[in-house]
N, C-alpha and C. Protein backbone atom coordinates (compact mmCIF):
# COMPACT_ATOMS: atom_id res chain seq x y z
N UNK A 1 226.03 73.20 23.23
CA UNK A 1 225.25 74.38 23.25
C UNK A 1 223.93 74.11 22.54
N UNK A 2 222.96 73.88 23.31
CA UNK A 2 221.67 73.47 22.79
C UNK A 2 220.76 74.65 22.45
N UNK A 3 221.15 75.85 22.74
CA UNK A 3 220.30 77.02 22.47
C UNK A 3 220.34 77.42 21.01
N UNK A 4 219.25 78.00 20.52
CA UNK A 4 219.24 78.48 19.14
C UNK A 4 219.74 79.91 19.11
N UNK A 5 220.52 80.20 18.11
CA UNK A 5 221.13 81.52 18.03
C UNK A 5 220.70 82.22 16.73
N UNK A 6 219.77 83.17 16.85
CA UNK A 6 219.39 83.97 15.69
C UNK A 6 218.48 83.28 14.71
N UNK A 7 217.97 82.12 15.02
CA UNK A 7 217.07 81.42 14.11
C UNK A 7 215.61 81.57 14.53
N UNK A 8 215.30 82.68 15.17
CA UNK A 8 213.92 82.88 15.61
C UNK A 8 213.04 83.22 14.41
N UNK A 9 212.03 82.43 14.19
CA UNK A 9 211.04 82.70 13.15
C UNK A 9 209.76 83.26 13.77
N UNK A 10 209.92 83.94 14.88
CA UNK A 10 208.77 84.51 15.56
C UNK A 10 208.50 85.93 15.07
N UNK A 11 208.47 86.13 13.77
CA UNK A 11 208.21 87.44 13.17
C UNK A 11 206.75 87.83 13.36
N UNK A 12 206.35 88.84 12.67
CA UNK A 12 204.97 89.30 12.77
C UNK A 12 204.08 88.32 12.01
N UNK A 13 203.14 87.73 12.73
CA UNK A 13 202.26 86.74 12.13
C UNK A 13 200.89 87.32 11.80
N UNK A 14 200.67 88.61 12.09
CA UNK A 14 199.38 89.23 11.86
C UNK A 14 199.55 90.45 10.95
N UNK A 15 198.51 90.73 10.20
CA UNK A 15 198.52 91.92 9.36
C UNK A 15 197.94 93.07 10.17
N UNK A 16 198.62 94.19 10.18
CA UNK A 16 198.15 95.37 10.89
C UNK A 16 197.13 96.09 10.00
N UNK A 17 195.87 96.07 10.40
CA UNK A 17 194.80 96.66 9.60
C UNK A 17 194.49 98.10 10.00
N UNK A 18 195.14 98.60 11.02
CA UNK A 18 194.87 99.96 11.48
C UNK A 18 195.08 101.00 10.38
N UNK A 19 196.18 100.98 9.63
CA UNK A 19 196.33 101.98 8.56
C UNK A 19 195.24 101.87 7.50
N UNK A 20 194.82 100.65 7.19
CA UNK A 20 193.77 100.48 6.19
C UNK A 20 192.44 101.06 6.71
N UNK A 21 192.14 100.84 7.98
CA UNK A 21 190.92 101.38 8.56
C UNK A 21 190.98 102.91 8.55
N UNK A 22 192.13 103.48 8.86
CA UNK A 22 192.29 104.93 8.83
C UNK A 22 192.02 105.49 7.43
N UNK A 23 192.57 104.85 6.44
CA UNK A 23 192.38 105.29 5.05
C UNK A 23 190.91 105.17 4.66
N UNK A 24 190.26 104.08 5.05
CA UNK A 24 188.86 103.88 4.70
C UNK A 24 187.97 104.93 5.37
N UNK A 25 188.26 105.28 6.61
CA UNK A 25 187.47 106.31 7.29
C UNK A 25 187.65 107.68 6.63
N UNK A 26 188.86 107.99 6.23
CA UNK A 26 189.10 109.26 5.53
C UNK A 26 188.35 109.26 4.20
N UNK A 27 188.38 108.16 3.47
CA UNK A 27 187.65 108.07 2.20
C UNK A 27 186.15 108.20 2.42
N UNK A 28 185.64 107.61 3.49
CA UNK A 28 184.22 107.71 3.80
C UNK A 28 183.83 109.15 4.09
N UNK A 29 184.63 109.85 4.85
CA UNK A 29 184.35 111.26 5.15
C UNK A 29 184.38 112.09 3.88
N UNK A 30 185.37 111.87 3.04
CA UNK A 30 185.46 112.60 1.77
C UNK A 30 184.24 112.32 0.91
N UNK A 31 183.82 111.06 0.85
CA UNK A 31 182.64 110.69 0.07
C UNK A 31 181.39 111.39 0.59
N UNK A 32 181.22 111.41 1.91
CA UNK A 32 180.03 112.04 2.49
C UNK A 32 179.99 113.53 2.19
N UNK A 33 181.11 114.19 2.28
CA UNK A 33 181.16 115.64 2.02
C UNK A 33 180.91 115.93 0.54
N UNK A 34 181.56 115.19 -0.34
CA UNK A 34 181.40 115.45 -1.77
C UNK A 34 180.03 115.04 -2.28
N UNK A 35 179.43 114.01 -1.70
CA UNK A 35 178.09 113.60 -2.13
C UNK A 35 177.08 114.71 -1.86
N UNK A 36 177.19 115.34 -0.71
CA UNK A 36 176.30 116.45 -0.39
C UNK A 36 176.54 117.62 -1.35
N UNK A 37 177.78 117.91 -1.64
CA UNK A 37 178.11 119.00 -2.55
C UNK A 37 177.60 118.70 -3.96
N UNK A 38 177.80 117.46 -4.41
CA UNK A 38 177.37 117.09 -5.76
C UNK A 38 175.86 117.15 -5.89
N UNK A 39 175.14 116.74 -4.85
CA UNK A 39 173.68 116.78 -4.89
C UNK A 39 173.19 118.21 -4.99
N UNK A 40 173.78 119.09 -4.20
CA UNK A 40 173.33 120.48 -4.24
C UNK A 40 173.72 121.17 -5.54
N UNK A 41 174.78 120.73 -6.19
CA UNK A 41 175.22 121.34 -7.43
C UNK A 41 174.55 120.74 -8.66
N UNK A 42 173.86 119.60 -8.51
CA UNK A 42 173.28 118.94 -9.67
C UNK A 42 171.99 119.60 -10.13
N UNK A 43 171.33 120.34 -9.26
CA UNK A 43 170.11 121.04 -9.64
C UNK A 43 170.48 122.50 -9.88
N UNK A 44 170.27 122.94 -11.11
CA UNK A 44 170.64 124.31 -11.44
C UNK A 44 169.68 125.26 -10.75
N UNK A 45 170.22 126.07 -9.86
CA UNK A 45 169.38 126.94 -9.07
C UNK A 45 170.13 128.20 -8.68
N UNK A 46 169.46 129.32 -8.77
CA UNK A 46 170.03 130.58 -8.31
C UNK A 46 169.23 131.01 -7.08
N UNK A 47 169.87 130.96 -5.91
CA UNK A 47 169.19 131.27 -4.67
C UNK A 47 169.00 132.77 -4.51
N UNK A 48 167.92 133.17 -3.84
CA UNK A 48 167.76 134.58 -3.54
C UNK A 48 168.80 135.03 -2.52
N UNK A 49 169.12 136.32 -2.52
CA UNK A 49 170.13 136.84 -1.59
C UNK A 49 169.44 137.52 -0.42
N UNK A 50 170.07 137.43 0.75
CA UNK A 50 169.55 138.09 1.94
C UNK A 50 170.71 138.57 2.79
N UNK A 51 170.65 139.83 3.20
CA UNK A 51 171.74 140.37 4.01
C UNK A 51 171.71 139.84 5.43
N UNK A 52 170.56 139.35 5.87
CA UNK A 52 170.47 138.80 7.23
C UNK A 52 170.68 137.30 7.25
N UNK A 53 170.96 136.72 6.12
CA UNK A 53 171.20 135.28 6.06
C UNK A 53 172.50 134.93 6.76
N UNK A 54 172.57 133.71 7.26
CA UNK A 54 173.78 133.24 7.94
C UNK A 54 174.10 131.85 7.43
N UNK A 55 175.35 131.48 7.58
CA UNK A 55 175.76 130.14 7.18
C UNK A 55 175.00 129.13 8.03
N UNK A 56 174.49 128.11 7.39
CA UNK A 56 173.71 127.10 8.09
C UNK A 56 174.65 126.04 8.63
N UNK A 57 174.81 126.02 9.95
CA UNK A 57 175.71 125.06 10.56
C UNK A 57 174.97 123.85 11.11
N UNK A 58 173.66 123.93 11.15
CA UNK A 58 172.88 122.81 11.65
C UNK A 58 172.77 121.76 10.55
N UNK A 59 172.96 120.51 10.93
CA UNK A 59 172.86 119.44 9.96
C UNK A 59 171.38 119.21 9.65
N UNK A 60 171.04 119.27 8.39
CA UNK A 60 169.65 119.07 7.99
C UNK A 60 169.45 117.62 7.61
N UNK A 61 168.25 117.13 7.85
CA UNK A 61 167.95 115.75 7.54
C UNK A 61 167.34 115.58 6.16
N UNK A 62 166.56 116.54 5.73
CA UNK A 62 165.91 116.46 4.42
C UNK A 62 166.25 117.71 3.62
N UNK A 63 166.64 117.53 2.39
CA UNK A 63 166.97 118.66 1.53
C UNK A 63 165.96 118.78 0.40
N UNK A 64 165.06 119.74 0.50
CA UNK A 64 164.08 119.99 -0.55
C UNK A 64 164.60 121.07 -1.48
N UNK A 65 164.36 120.90 -2.77
CA UNK A 65 164.74 121.90 -3.77
C UNK A 65 163.58 122.09 -4.74
N UNK A 66 163.36 123.33 -5.12
CA UNK A 66 162.36 123.65 -6.15
C UNK A 66 163.08 124.48 -7.20
N UNK A 67 163.11 123.96 -8.44
CA UNK A 67 163.82 124.71 -9.49
C UNK A 67 162.91 125.78 -10.09
N UNK A 68 163.44 126.51 -11.07
CA UNK A 68 162.69 127.63 -11.65
C UNK A 68 161.44 127.18 -12.40
N UNK A 69 161.38 125.89 -12.77
CA UNK A 69 160.20 125.35 -13.44
C UNK A 69 159.22 124.72 -12.46
N UNK A 70 159.43 124.98 -11.16
CA UNK A 70 158.60 124.47 -10.07
C UNK A 70 158.65 122.96 -9.92
N UNK A 71 159.74 122.33 -10.37
CA UNK A 71 159.92 120.90 -10.17
C UNK A 71 160.48 120.68 -8.77
N UNK A 72 159.91 119.71 -8.06
CA UNK A 72 160.28 119.44 -6.67
C UNK A 72 161.29 118.30 -6.60
N UNK A 73 162.31 118.47 -5.76
CA UNK A 73 163.34 117.47 -5.55
C UNK A 73 163.49 117.23 -4.05
N UNK A 74 163.75 115.99 -3.69
CA UNK A 74 164.07 115.64 -2.30
C UNK A 74 165.44 114.99 -2.31
N UNK A 75 166.39 115.62 -1.67
CA UNK A 75 167.78 115.15 -1.63
C UNK A 75 168.32 114.89 -3.04
N UNK A 76 167.97 115.77 -3.96
CA UNK A 76 168.49 115.70 -5.32
C UNK A 76 167.72 114.80 -6.27
N UNK A 77 166.71 114.09 -5.77
CA UNK A 77 165.92 113.18 -6.60
C UNK A 77 164.54 113.79 -6.87
N UNK A 78 164.07 113.75 -8.12
CA UNK A 78 162.74 114.28 -8.41
C UNK A 78 161.67 113.53 -7.61
N UNK A 79 160.68 114.26 -7.12
CA UNK A 79 159.61 113.65 -6.33
C UNK A 79 158.34 114.45 -6.56
N UNK A 80 157.19 113.78 -6.40
CA UNK A 80 155.92 114.50 -6.49
C UNK A 80 155.21 114.41 -5.14
N UNK A 81 154.22 115.25 -4.96
CA UNK A 81 153.56 115.34 -3.66
C UNK A 81 152.85 114.04 -3.28
N UNK A 82 152.35 113.30 -4.25
CA UNK A 82 151.65 112.04 -3.96
C UNK A 82 152.60 111.03 -3.31
N UNK A 83 153.81 110.93 -3.82
CA UNK A 83 154.78 109.99 -3.26
C UNK A 83 155.43 110.53 -1.99
N UNK A 84 155.43 111.83 -1.84
CA UNK A 84 156.14 112.47 -0.73
C UNK A 84 155.48 112.17 0.62
N UNK A 85 154.19 111.97 0.65
CA UNK A 85 153.50 111.69 1.91
C UNK A 85 154.06 110.44 2.57
N UNK A 86 154.22 109.38 1.81
CA UNK A 86 154.75 108.12 2.37
C UNK A 86 156.20 108.28 2.79
N UNK A 87 156.98 108.99 2.00
CA UNK A 87 158.40 109.19 2.32
C UNK A 87 158.55 109.97 3.62
N UNK A 88 157.76 111.04 3.76
CA UNK A 88 157.84 111.85 4.98
C UNK A 88 157.39 111.07 6.20
N UNK A 89 156.35 110.25 6.06
CA UNK A 89 155.89 109.43 7.19
C UNK A 89 156.98 108.46 7.62
N UNK A 90 157.66 107.87 6.65
CA UNK A 90 158.75 106.93 6.96
C UNK A 90 159.91 107.65 7.65
N UNK A 91 160.29 108.81 7.14
CA UNK A 91 161.40 109.57 7.73
C UNK A 91 161.05 110.06 9.13
N UNK A 92 159.81 110.49 9.32
CA UNK A 92 159.36 110.99 10.61
C UNK A 92 159.29 109.88 11.64
N UNK A 93 158.91 108.68 11.21
CA UNK A 93 158.87 107.54 12.13
C UNK A 93 160.28 107.15 12.56
N UNK A 94 161.23 107.27 11.65
CA UNK A 94 162.62 106.92 11.97
C UNK A 94 163.27 107.97 12.85
N UNK A 95 162.91 109.23 12.65
CA UNK A 95 163.53 110.32 13.44
C UNK A 95 162.47 111.39 13.70
N UNK A 96 161.86 111.38 14.88
CA UNK A 96 160.76 112.32 15.17
C UNK A 96 161.15 113.80 15.12
N UNK A 97 162.41 114.13 15.38
CA UNK A 97 162.82 115.54 15.37
C UNK A 97 163.46 115.94 14.04
N UNK A 98 163.01 115.32 12.98
CA UNK A 98 163.58 115.57 11.65
C UNK A 98 163.33 117.02 11.23
N UNK A 99 164.26 117.56 10.48
CA UNK A 99 164.12 118.94 9.99
C UNK A 99 164.38 118.96 8.49
N UNK A 100 164.04 120.09 7.87
CA UNK A 100 164.16 120.19 6.42
C UNK A 100 164.82 121.52 6.04
N UNK A 101 165.57 121.48 4.96
CA UNK A 101 166.17 122.68 4.37
C UNK A 101 165.54 122.86 2.99
N UNK A 102 164.91 123.99 2.79
CA UNK A 102 164.21 124.26 1.53
C UNK A 102 165.03 125.24 0.70
N UNK A 103 165.40 124.81 -0.50
CA UNK A 103 166.13 125.66 -1.45
C UNK A 103 165.23 125.89 -2.66
N UNK A 104 164.98 127.14 -2.97
CA UNK A 104 164.13 127.46 -4.12
C UNK A 104 164.86 128.46 -5.00
N UNK A 105 164.76 128.25 -6.30
CA UNK A 105 165.36 129.17 -7.26
C UNK A 105 164.72 130.55 -7.10
N UNK A 106 165.47 131.57 -7.42
CA UNK A 106 164.98 132.94 -7.29
C UNK A 106 163.76 133.18 -8.18
N UNK A 107 163.62 132.41 -9.26
CA UNK A 107 162.49 132.57 -10.18
C UNK A 107 161.32 131.63 -9.85
N UNK A 108 161.44 130.85 -8.79
CA UNK A 108 160.35 129.97 -8.38
C UNK A 108 159.21 130.82 -7.82
N UNK A 109 157.98 130.57 -8.26
CA UNK A 109 156.86 131.33 -7.71
C UNK A 109 156.75 131.13 -6.19
N UNK A 110 156.46 132.21 -5.49
CA UNK A 110 156.35 132.19 -4.03
C UNK A 110 155.33 131.15 -3.57
N UNK A 111 154.27 131.00 -4.34
CA UNK A 111 153.23 130.04 -3.98
C UNK A 111 153.73 128.61 -3.91
N UNK A 112 154.70 128.26 -4.74
CA UNK A 112 155.26 126.90 -4.71
C UNK A 112 156.01 126.63 -3.41
N UNK A 113 156.73 127.64 -2.92
CA UNK A 113 157.46 127.49 -1.66
C UNK A 113 156.46 127.37 -0.51
N UNK A 114 155.44 128.21 -0.51
CA UNK A 114 154.41 128.15 0.53
C UNK A 114 153.70 126.80 0.49
N UNK A 115 153.42 126.30 -0.70
CA UNK A 115 152.76 125.00 -0.85
C UNK A 115 153.61 123.90 -0.22
N UNK A 116 154.93 123.93 -0.46
CA UNK A 116 155.82 122.93 0.11
C UNK A 116 155.88 123.04 1.63
N UNK A 117 156.01 124.27 2.14
CA UNK A 117 156.05 124.46 3.59
C UNK A 117 154.77 123.94 4.23
N UNK A 118 153.63 124.29 3.66
CA UNK A 118 152.35 123.82 4.18
C UNK A 118 152.27 122.30 4.14
N UNK A 119 152.74 121.71 3.05
CA UNK A 119 152.69 120.26 2.90
C UNK A 119 153.53 119.55 3.95
N UNK A 120 154.77 120.01 4.15
CA UNK A 120 155.63 119.31 5.11
C UNK A 120 155.14 119.53 6.54
N UNK A 121 154.55 120.70 6.82
CA UNK A 121 154.00 120.93 8.16
C UNK A 121 152.78 120.06 8.41
N UNK A 122 151.93 119.88 7.40
CA UNK A 122 150.77 118.99 7.55
C UNK A 122 151.20 117.55 7.78
N UNK A 123 152.38 117.20 7.29
CA UNK A 123 152.88 115.84 7.46
C UNK A 123 153.76 115.68 8.70
N UNK A 124 153.75 116.68 9.58
CA UNK A 124 154.39 116.53 10.89
C UNK A 124 155.79 117.08 11.03
N UNK A 125 156.35 117.66 9.98
CA UNK A 125 157.70 118.22 10.07
C UNK A 125 157.55 119.73 10.30
N UNK A 126 157.88 120.16 11.51
CA UNK A 126 157.70 121.57 11.86
C UNK A 126 159.01 122.35 11.87
N UNK A 127 160.13 121.66 11.85
CA UNK A 127 161.43 122.33 11.83
C UNK A 127 161.93 122.42 10.40
N UNK A 128 162.06 123.66 9.90
CA UNK A 128 162.58 123.83 8.55
C UNK A 128 163.30 125.16 8.45
N UNK A 129 164.13 125.27 7.43
CA UNK A 129 164.85 126.51 7.15
C UNK A 129 164.80 126.75 5.65
N UNK A 130 164.88 128.01 5.26
CA UNK A 130 164.90 128.36 3.85
C UNK A 130 166.32 128.78 3.49
N UNK A 131 166.88 128.13 2.50
CA UNK A 131 168.26 128.37 2.08
C UNK A 131 168.34 129.64 1.24
N UNK A 132 169.28 130.52 1.59
CA UNK A 132 169.52 131.74 0.82
C UNK A 132 171.02 131.90 0.61
N UNK A 133 171.38 132.72 -0.36
CA UNK A 133 172.78 133.06 -0.58
C UNK A 133 173.06 134.33 0.22
N UNK A 134 174.08 134.28 1.06
CA UNK A 134 174.39 135.41 1.93
C UNK A 134 175.02 136.53 1.12
N UNK A 135 174.46 137.74 1.25
CA UNK A 135 175.04 138.90 0.57
C UNK A 135 176.31 139.32 1.28
N UNK A 136 177.26 139.78 0.52
CA UNK A 136 178.51 140.22 1.13
C UNK A 136 178.59 141.72 1.24
């Protein structure tokens, strides 16, 4: 009887990476969601309330914030208007239909918000929204 009986060493010779990829994708999604939340929570700001406001479901590309001391932030990082021109040109070249979400503290002077809107429109970004807290 020349046949082998039960001595097959033809087990699994490869590592199944599918579960690891699944876990990594879930971690990536969690990181992306929490990073956005952490950025928006890192700047102390009290948004104005509006009864006609609605939840913003459109994904915004640029997040501008102006705190009560009129300090300007882009995606949670402090920025000044001199540096912002180059950043906006770079972002606009990468994505021509870029849009912006502007969040301003309730105590921010109206002129600062208008100044930012005027600045981003002069630099070619015409799609923007103003973030408000929805009244219940």
